[in-house]
Structure formats: C-alpha cells, structure tokens
Amino acid sequence: NIDRYPALFDAMVKQWRDEFEYDMPFIVFQLVQYIGEEGSSYGDFRVMQWDMMETTENVYTVVGLDHGEVHDIHPSDKLTYGMRAGDLALNVVYGYGDRPGLSPSAVSAVKTENAITVSFENIGGGLLLTEGTQVQNVEIMVDGVYQSATATLVDNQLVVDITGITGCTAVSYGVENVMDIVNLYSENGLPVAPFILTEFAEAERDYKILLRQEVLKMRD
C-alpha cells in the first residue's frame, strides 16, 4: 500500500538519524519506469517520492521517470542513476554549485480560457525538448477523469492547450507507469520531475498538490 510509504520512510529516516546521532542527508532514488501488476500506480508513487522532500528535512530525490527496463524494477544500468545521485550529493550536501542538483520541478500553474501555464524552479540554465515539438506525458483531469493533453514548451514554461475544454481541475506530467518517450529536460541533462497539480487561481506558488488518496481514486 503506497499510502503508507511516506510515514514508513519518515520513521526510517528518524531511526537512522537517532542511531547515528547525526542529521544525515538522504538521497532517494525515484522509482524507474516499471509496468508492474495490473492496476498499479507506480507513476503516482514517483510523485509521492518527490513530494517527500517537502515533509522530511534534508531529503533529496533523484528523478527516474526516464530510466528503467519496464519489466525489471532493478534496471541493469546503474551508472546513469549513480551519476545523477553523485552530482546531487555534491551540489546539495557538499556545496559544489557547479554540479547539477535537483531536477526542475513545477511550482505554479495559471489557468486561462485556453491554456494552463506551468512554471518551474531549478531549471538549470533553461528547459528544452530532446526530441519533437510537443511535451510528452501530459494529462489533464476533466470531470474527474484524466485524459491526454497537447502541451508545448514556451519560454521555460509548460503550456497545456485546453481550448474548448471545460471542467478541467488538474494537470499532471509523467505519472504513467511506463512512457514511450520522455523529452522534457533541463539544459544540464536532468529530466523534469513528475507532478500532479490542481487548478490554480493565482501564480507565485499558490498551488496545492493533490492528496495521494485522491489521486489514486480519481485515476481508477
């Protein structure tokens, strides 16, 4: 039950820090692409792993939605993940600011009549598409049901087309178990973190991340 994971993870971190008498940093390896059993929601679990940085201090997550071997939850390519984790540790723990740190992550979204525009932090010199002209793996929730959406990258913002669509209450990125193409990265080579954001009235971080229980219920 993934709903128990945040509490269990937080308890583990607390126990280790108590045992070592040291507020040690933790680097979390986000779950890779994995098809899993029917009805599983590993994409939502990745979002949960990212969100834990907001609830547990001195925890940092390495994004893995572009990595993996689909049918093996323990991919053979450890180097890619290891390099990202090493750079992240050098950046956030040891203060080497020239090394890539956290992946870009969504911080705000503004909805107009025809679009939802998502802004990001930690963009590492800017965002780019590694292939194609549209951002892949973007969905919107309409009347409680997720559906694919057309999205483009404009001035380091994700612009989701909702022309003619009413009842849109959330936008998500990278929450499928397996994705054919992941093409949204920062210029320093880090994939954008997956996210689920609700509809917003204002910009400047006025946002709410859906509760995991709500997300799982809505995606059923």
C-alpha atoms as a PDB file:
ATOM      1  CA  ASN A   1       0.000   0.000   0.000  1.00  0.00           C
ATOM      2  CA  ILE A   2       1.836   3.093  -1.214  1.00  0.00           C
ATOM      3  CA  ASP A   3      -0.209   5.359   1.046  1.00  0.00           C
ATOM      4  CA  ARG A   4       1.838   4.027   3.983  1.00  0.00           C
ATOM      5  CA  TYR A   5       5.177   4.790   2.337  1.00  0.00           C
ATOM      6  CA  PRO A   6       5.665   8.412   3.485  1.00  0.00           C
ATOM      7  CA  ALA A   7       5.088   7.544   7.147  1.00  0.00           C
ATOM      8  CA  LEU A   8       7.315   4.459   6.942  1.00  0.00           C
ATOM      9  CA  PHE A   9      10.061   6.356   5.145  1.00  0.00           C
ATOM     10  CA  ASP A  10       9.934   9.195   7.660  1.00  0.00           C
ATOM     11  CA  ALA A  11      10.146   6.682  10.530  1.00  0.00           C
ATOM     12  CA  MET A  12      13.175   5.001   8.930  1.00  0.00           C
ATOM     13  CA  VAL A  13      14.959   8.326   8.457  1.00  0.00           C
ATOM     14  CA  LYS A  14      14.276   9.298  12.069  1.00  0.00           C
ATOM     15  CA  GLN A  15      15.528   5.946  13.393  1.00  0.00           C
ATOM     16  CA  TRP A  16      18.757   6.065  11.391  1.00  0.00           C
ATOM     17  CA  ARG A  17      19.431   9.637  12.458  1.00  0.00           C
ATOM     18  CA  ASP A  18      18.749   8.762  16.089  1.00  0.00           C
ATOM     19  CA  GLU A  19      21.037   5.721  15.899  1.00  0.00           C
ATOM     20  CA  PHE A  20      23.897   7.676  14.312  1.00  0.00           C
ATOM     21  CA  GLU A  21      23.172  10.820  16.361  1.00  0.00           C
ATOM     22  CA  TYR A  22      23.571  12.812  13.166  1.00  0.00           C
ATOM     23  CA  ASP A  23      21.093  14.618  10.913  1.00  0.00           C
ATOM     24  CA  MET A  24      22.423  12.762   7.889  1.00  0.00           C
ATOM     25  CA  PRO A  25      21.154  13.662   4.411  1.00  0.00           C
ATOM     26  CA  PHE A  26      19.211  11.065   2.419  1.00  0.00           C
ATOM     27  CA  ILE A  27      19.330  10.707  -1.354  1.00  0.00           C
ATOM     28  CA  VAL A  28      16.166   8.987  -2.615  1.00  0.00           C
ATOM     29  CA  PHE A  29      16.221   7.075  -5.897  1.00  0.00           C
ATOM     30  CA  GLN A  30      12.870   7.617  -7.545  1.00  0.00           C
ATOM     31  CA  LEU A  31      11.188   4.520  -8.915  1.00  0.00           C
ATOM     32  CA  VAL A  32      12.116   3.874 -12.533  1.00  0.00           C
ATOM     33  CA  GLN A  33       9.695   3.029 -15.314  1.00  0.00           C
ATOM     34  CA  TYR A  34       8.092  -0.271 -14.382  1.00  0.00           C
ATOM     35  CA  ILE A  35       4.916  -1.790 -15.726  1.00  0.00           C
ATOM     36  CA  GLY A  36       4.097  -3.762 -12.565  1.00  0.00           C
ATOM     37  CA  GLU A  37       0.906  -5.643 -11.942  1.00  0.00           C
ATOM     38  CA  GLU A  38      -2.424  -4.660 -13.452  1.00  0.00           C
ATOM     39  CA  GLY A  39      -3.970  -1.662 -11.730  1.00  0.00           C
ATOM     40  CA  SER A  40      -0.709  -0.487 -10.155  1.00  0.00           C
ATOM     41  CA  SER A  41       0.048   3.229  -9.881  1.00  0.00           C
ATOM     42  CA  TYR A  42       3.821   3.491  -9.890  1.00  0.00           C
ATOM     43  CA  GLY A  43       3.696   6.877 -11.585  1.00  0.00           C
ATOM     44  CA  ASP A  44       1.771   8.291  -8.641  1.00  0.00           C
ATOM     45  CA  PHE A  45       4.350   6.694  -6.364  1.00  0.00           C
ATOM     46  CA  ARG A  46       7.123   8.637  -8.122  1.00  0.00           C
ATOM     47  CA  VAL A  47       5.250  11.861  -7.427  1.00  0.00           C
ATOM     48  CA  MET A  48       4.933  10.829  -3.789  1.00  0.00           C
ATOM     49  CA  GLN A  49       8.687  10.217  -3.576  1.00  0.00           C
ATOM     50  CA  TRP A  50       9.346  13.715  -4.899  1.00  0.00           C
ATOM     51  CA  ASP A  51       6.825  15.277  -2.532  1.00  0.00           C
ATOM     52  CA  MET A  52       8.584  13.733   0.488  1.00  0.00           C
ATOM     53  CA  MET A  53      11.218  16.456   0.215  1.00  0.00           C
ATOM     54  CA  GLU A  54       8.508  18.828   1.447  1.00  0.00           C
ATOM     55  CA  THR A  55       7.744  16.763   4.558  1.00  0.00           C
ATOM     56  CA  THR A  56      11.130  15.345   5.639  1.00  0.00           C
ATOM     57  CA  GLU A  57      14.090  17.666   6.081  1.00  0.00           C
ATOM     58  CA  ASN A  58      17.438  17.077   4.381  1.00  0.00           C
ATOM     59  CA  VAL A  59      15.996  14.574   1.889  1.00  0.00           C
ATOM     60  CA  TYR A  60      16.702  14.890  -1.843  1.00  0.00           C
ATOM     61  CA  THR A  61      15.213  12.900  -4.715  1.00  0.00           C
ATOM     62  CA  VAL A  62      16.860  11.740  -7.933  1.00  0.00           C
ATOM     63  CA  VAL A  63      14.311  11.686 -10.765  1.00  0.00           C
ATOM     64  CA  GLY A  64      13.964   8.377 -12.585  1.00  0.00           C
ATOM     65  CA  LEU A  65      10.934   8.625 -14.856  1.00  0.00           C
ATOM     66  CA  ASP A  66      13.190   8.423 -17.950  1.00  0.00           C
ATOM     67  CA  HIS A  67      15.069   5.374 -16.720  1.00  0.00           C
ATOM     68  CA  GLY A  68      14.368   1.653 -16.384  1.00  0.00           C
ATOM     69  CA  GLU A  69      13.683  -1.537 -18.308  1.00  0.00           C
ATOM     70  CA  VAL A  70       9.876  -1.689 -17.980  1.00  0.00           C
ATOM     71  CA  HIS A  71       9.678  -5.309 -16.771  1.00  0.00           C
ATOM     72  CA  ASP A  72      12.557  -5.145 -14.268  1.00  0.00           C
ATOM     73  CA  ILE A  73      12.222  -2.897 -11.243  1.00  0.00           C
ATOM     74  CA  HIS A  74      16.019  -3.184 -10.770  1.00  0.00           C
ATOM     75  CA  PRO A  75      17.474  -1.997 -14.106  1.00  0.00           C
ATOM     76  CA  SER A  76      20.948  -3.110 -15.136  1.00  0.00           C
ATOM     77  CA  ASP A  77      22.063   0.457 -15.919  1.00  0.00           C
ATOM     78  CA  LYS A  78      23.116   1.743 -12.528  1.00  0.00           C
ATOM     79  CA  LEU A  79      25.608   4.277 -13.909  1.00  0.00           C
ATOM     80  CA  THR A  80      23.015   6.833 -15.060  1.00  0.00           C
ATOM     81  CA  TYR A  81      21.323   6.895 -11.687  1.00  0.00           C
ATOM     82  CA  GLY A  82      24.611   6.786  -9.825  1.00  0.00           C
ATOM     83  CA  MET A  83      25.989   9.803 -11.694  1.00  0.00           C
ATOM     84  CA  ARG A  84      22.822  11.807 -11.016  1.00  0.00           C
ATOM     85  CA  ALA A  85      22.909  10.889  -7.329  1.00  0.00           C
ATOM     86  CA  GLY A  86      26.594  11.743  -7.075  1.00  0.00           C
ATOM     87  CA  ASP A  87      26.113  15.137  -8.689  1.00  0.00           C
ATOM     88  CA  LEU A  88      23.094  15.831  -6.476  1.00  0.00           C
ATOM     89  CA  ALA A  89      25.059  14.970  -3.324  1.00  0.00           C
ATOM     90  CA  LEU A  90      27.992  17.135  -4.408  1.00  0.00           C
ATOM     91  CA  ASN A  91      25.608  20.027  -5.044  1.00  0.00           C
ATOM     92  CA  VAL A  92      23.218  19.998  -2.085  1.00  0.00           C
ATOM     93  CA  VAL A  93      25.327  18.282   0.594  1.00  0.00           C
ATOM     94  CA  TYR A  94      28.891  19.366  -0.182  1.00  0.00           C
ATOM     95  CA  GLY A  95      28.205  22.731  -1.777  1.00  0.00           C
ATOM     96  CA  TYR A  96      29.639  22.203  -5.256  1.00  0.00           C
ATOM     97  CA  GLY A  97      27.318  24.578  -7.080  1.00  0.00           C
ATOM     98  CA  ASP A  98      28.790  23.756 -10.495  1.00  0.00           C
ATOM     99  CA  ARG A  99      27.325  20.243 -10.374  1.00  0.00           C
ATOM    100  CA  PRO A 100      23.723  19.510 -11.392  1.00  0.00           C
ATOM    101  CA  GLY A 101      21.439  19.489  -8.355  1.00  0.00           C
ATOM    102  CA  LEU A 102      17.726  18.837  -8.142  1.00  0.00           C
ATOM    103  CA  SER A 103      15.675  18.268 -11.255  1.00  0.00           C
ATOM    104  CA  PRO A 104      13.359  21.034 -12.448  1.00  0.00           C
ATOM    105  CA  SER A 105      10.019  20.906 -10.649  1.00  0.00           C
ATOM    106  CA  ALA A 106       6.644  22.593 -11.051  1.00  0.00           C
ATOM    107  CA  VAL A 107       5.978  25.483  -8.667  1.00  0.00           C
ATOM    108  CA  SER A 108       2.896  27.222 -10.043  1.00  0.00           C
ATOM    109  CA  ALA A 109       0.196  26.977 -12.665  1.00  0.00           C
ATOM    110  CA  VAL A 110      -2.170  29.578 -14.081  1.00  0.00           C
ATOM    111  CA  LYS A 111      -5.355  28.676 -15.921  1.00  0.00           C
ATOM    112  CA  THR A 112      -6.892  30.850 -18.617  1.00  0.00           C
ATOM    113  CA  GLU A 113      -9.722  30.139 -21.017  1.00  0.00           C
ATOM    114  CA  ASN A 114      -7.483  28.318 -23.490  1.00  0.00           C
ATOM    115  CA  ALA A 115      -4.415  27.166 -21.567  1.00  0.00           C
ATOM    116  CA  ILE A 116      -2.831  26.076 -18.319  1.00  0.00           C
ATOM    117  CA  THR A 117       0.673  27.503 -17.955  1.00  0.00           C
ATOM    118  CA  VAL A 118       3.025  25.728 -15.543  1.00  0.00           C
ATOM    119  CA  SER A 119       6.196  27.392 -14.233  1.00  0.00           C
ATOM    120  CA  PHE A 120       9.266  25.612 -12.826  1.00  0.00           C
ATOM    121  CA  GLU A 121      12.182  26.082 -10.466  1.00  0.00           C
ATOM    122  CA  ASN A 122      15.688  24.534 -10.632  1.00  0.00           C
ATOM    123  CA  ILE A 123      15.672  24.826 -14.423  1.00  0.00           C
ATOM    124  CA  GLY A 124      19.477  24.673 -14.672  1.00  0.00           C
ATOM    125  CA  GLY A 125      20.013  27.211 -17.440  1.00  0.00           C
ATOM    126  CA  GLY A 126      16.697  26.535 -19.138  1.00  0.00           C
ATOM    127  CA  LEU A 127      14.352  23.776 -20.247  1.00  0.00           C
ATOM    128  CA  LEU A 128      14.463  22.003 -23.594  1.00  0.00           C
ATOM    129  CA  LEU A 129      12.845  19.242 -25.609  1.00  0.00           C
ATOM    130  CA  THR A 130      15.232  16.462 -26.550  1.00  0.00           C
ATOM    131  CA  GLU A 131      13.008  15.460 -29.482  1.00  0.00           C
ATOM    132  CA  GLY A 132       9.830  16.588 -31.184  1.00  0.00           C
ATOM    133  CA  THR A 133       7.912  19.840 -30.739  1.00  0.00           C
ATOM    134  CA  GLN A 134       5.386  18.794 -28.080  1.00  0.00           C
ATOM    135  CA  VAL A 135       5.934  17.805 -24.468  1.00  0.00           C
ATOM    136  CA  GLN A 136       5.014  14.165 -23.968  1.00  0.00           C
ATOM    137  CA  ASN A 137       3.210  12.542 -21.000  1.00  0.00           C
ATOM    138  CA  VAL A 138       0.988  15.490 -20.055  1.00  0.00           C
ATOM    139  CA  GLU A 139      -2.559  14.857 -18.871  1.00  0.00           C
ATOM    140  CA  ILE A 140      -5.438  16.957 -17.617  1.00  0.00           C
ATOM    141  CA  MET A 141      -8.317  15.964 -15.379  1.00  0.00           C
ATOM    142  CA  VAL A 142     -11.717  16.764 -16.830  1.00  0.00           C
ATOM    143  CA  ASP A 143     -14.820  15.992 -14.782  1.00  0.00           C
ATOM    144  CA  GLY A 144     -12.800  13.644 -12.567  1.00  0.00           C
ATOM    145  CA  VAL A 145     -11.196  11.666 -15.424  1.00  0.00           C
ATOM    146  CA  TYR A 146      -7.650  12.001 -16.737  1.00  0.00           C
ATOM    147  CA  GLN A 147      -7.069  12.426 -20.468  1.00  0.00           C
ATOM    148  CA  SER A 148      -4.050  13.135 -22.662  1.00  0.00           C
ATOM    149  CA  ALA A 149      -3.328  16.773 -23.418  1.00  0.00           C
ATOM    150  CA  THR A 150      -1.357  18.709 -26.009  1.00  0.00           C
ATOM    151  CA  ALA A 151       1.462  20.708 -24.432  1.00  0.00           C
ATOM    152  CA  THR A 152       4.348  22.823 -25.668  1.00  0.00           C
ATOM    153  CA  LEU A 153       7.393  24.454 -24.107  1.00  0.00           C
ATOM    154  CA  VAL A 154       7.370  28.257 -24.295  1.00  0.00           C
ATOM    155  CA  ASP A 155       9.993  30.385 -22.508  1.00  0.00           C
ATOM    156  CA  ASN A 156      10.727  27.638 -19.965  1.00  0.00           C
ATOM    157  CA  GLN A 157       7.050  27.177 -19.169  1.00  0.00           C
ATOM    158  CA  LEU A 158       4.778  24.262 -19.968  1.00  0.00           C
ATOM    159  CA  VAL A 159       1.734  25.494 -21.885  1.00  0.00           C
ATOM    160  CA  VAL A 160      -1.128  22.986 -21.933  1.00  0.00           C
ATOM    161  CA  ASP A 161      -3.844  23.522 -24.523  1.00  0.00           C
ATOM    162  CA  ILE A 162      -7.371  23.355 -23.077  1.00  0.00           C
ATOM    163  CA  THR A 163      -9.147  25.159 -25.899  1.00  0.00           C
ATOM    164  CA  GLY A 164     -12.814  24.212 -25.857  1.00  0.00           C
ATOM    165  CA  ILE A 165     -12.437  22.113 -22.700  1.00  0.00           C
ATOM    166  CA  THR A 166     -14.462  22.888 -19.583  1.00  0.00           C
ATOM    167  CA  GLY A 167     -14.323  21.251 -16.165  1.00  0.00           C
ATOM    168  CA  CYS A 168     -10.516  20.932 -16.113  1.00  0.00           C
ATOM    169  CA  THR A 169      -9.385  20.694 -12.480  1.00  0.00           C
ATOM    170  CA  ALA A 170      -5.836  19.305 -12.579  1.00  0.00           C
ATOM    171  CA  VAL A 171      -2.783  18.893 -14.772  1.00  0.00           C
ATOM    172  CA  SER A 172      -0.191  16.149 -14.440  1.00  0.00           C
ATOM    173  CA  TYR A 173       3.119  15.187 -16.005  1.00  0.00           C
ATOM    174  CA  GLY A 174       4.958  11.873 -16.044  1.00  0.00           C
ATOM    175  CA  VAL A 175       2.522   9.850 -13.943  1.00  0.00           C
ATOM    176  CA  GLU A 176       2.153   6.807 -16.179  1.00  0.00           C
ATOM    177  CA  ASN A 177       3.907   3.604 -15.113  1.00  0.00           C
ATOM    178  CA  VAL A 178       5.679   3.403 -18.471  1.00  0.00           C
ATOM    179  CA  MET A 179       6.239   6.130 -21.076  1.00  0.00           C
ATOM    180  CA  ASP A 180       7.426   5.634 -24.652  1.00  0.00           C
ATOM    181  CA  ILE A 181       9.177   8.999 -24.828  1.00  0.00           C
ATOM    182  CA  VAL A 182      10.424  11.334 -22.111  1.00  0.00           C
ATOM    183  CA  ASN A 183      11.569  14.549 -23.758  1.00  0.00           C
ATOM    184  CA  LEU A 184      11.398  17.374 -21.184  1.00  0.00           C
ATOM    185  CA  TYR A 185      14.794  18.142 -19.613  1.00  0.00           C
ATOM    186  CA  SER A 186      16.899  20.943 -18.240  1.00  0.00           C
ATOM    187  CA  GLU A 187      19.916  22.070 -20.230  1.00  0.00           C
ATOM    188  CA  ASN A 188      22.179  20.327 -17.727  1.00  0.00           C
ATOM    189  CA  GLY A 189      20.619  16.984 -18.648  1.00  0.00           C
ATOM    190  CA  LEU A 190      18.169  16.373 -15.790  1.00  0.00           C
ATOM    191  CA  PRO A 191      14.608  15.226 -16.508  1.00  0.00           C
ATOM    192  CA  VAL A 192      11.787  17.368 -15.171  1.00  0.00           C
ATOM    193  CA  ALA A 193      10.224  15.852 -12.049  1.00  0.00           C
ATOM    194  CA  PRO A 194       6.744  14.331 -12.407  1.00  0.00           C
ATOM    195  CA  PHE A 195       3.933  16.296 -10.847  1.00  0.00           C
ATOM    196  CA  ILE A 196       0.200  16.498 -10.213  1.00  0.00           C
ATOM    197  CA  LEU A 197      -1.167  20.000  -9.725  1.00  0.00           C
ATOM    198  CA  THR A 198      -4.693  21.207  -9.167  1.00  0.00           C
ATOM    199  CA  GLU A 199      -6.315  24.170 -10.839  1.00  0.00           C
ATOM    200  CA  PHE A 200      -4.981  27.476  -9.549  1.00  0.00           C
ATOM    201  CA  ALA A 201      -6.450  30.927  -9.115  1.00  0.00           C
ATOM    202  CA  GLU A 202      -3.142  32.778  -8.778  1.00  0.00           C
ATOM    203  CA  ALA A 203       0.512  32.335  -9.675  1.00  0.00           C
ATOM    204  CA  GLU A 204       3.520  32.713  -7.352  1.00  0.00           C
ATOM    205  CA  ARG A 205       3.394  29.293  -5.717  1.00  0.00           C
ATOM    206  CA  ASP A 206      -0.335  29.419  -4.914  1.00  0.00           C
ATOM    207  CA  TYR A 207      -0.829  25.752  -5.612  1.00  0.00           C
ATOM    208  CA  LYS A 208      -1.838  22.516  -3.970  1.00  0.00           C
ATOM    209  CA  ILE A 209      -0.586  19.013  -4.671  1.00  0.00           C
ATOM    210  CA  LEU A 210      -3.449  16.518  -4.643  1.00  0.00           C
ATOM    211  CA  LEU A 211      -3.527  14.059  -1.781  1.00  0.00           C
ATOM    212  CA  ARG A 212      -2.309  10.665  -2.884  1.00  0.00           C
ATOM    213  CA  GLN A 213      -5.581   9.042  -1.855  1.00  0.00           C
ATOM    214  CA  GLU A 214      -7.491  11.468  -4.075  1.00  0.00           C
ATOM    215  CA  VAL A 215      -5.165  10.882  -6.979  1.00  0.00           C
ATOM    216  CA  LEU A 216      -5.450   7.121  -6.835  1.00  0.00           C
ATOM    217  CA  LYS A 217      -9.238   7.329  -6.539  1.00  0.00           C
ATOM    218  CA  MET A 218      -9.542   9.714  -9.474  1.00  0.00           C
ATOM    219  CA  ARG A 219      -7.281   7.633 -11.719  1.00  0.00           C
ATOM    220  CA  ASP A 220      -9.275   4.408 -11.114  1.00  0.00           C
END
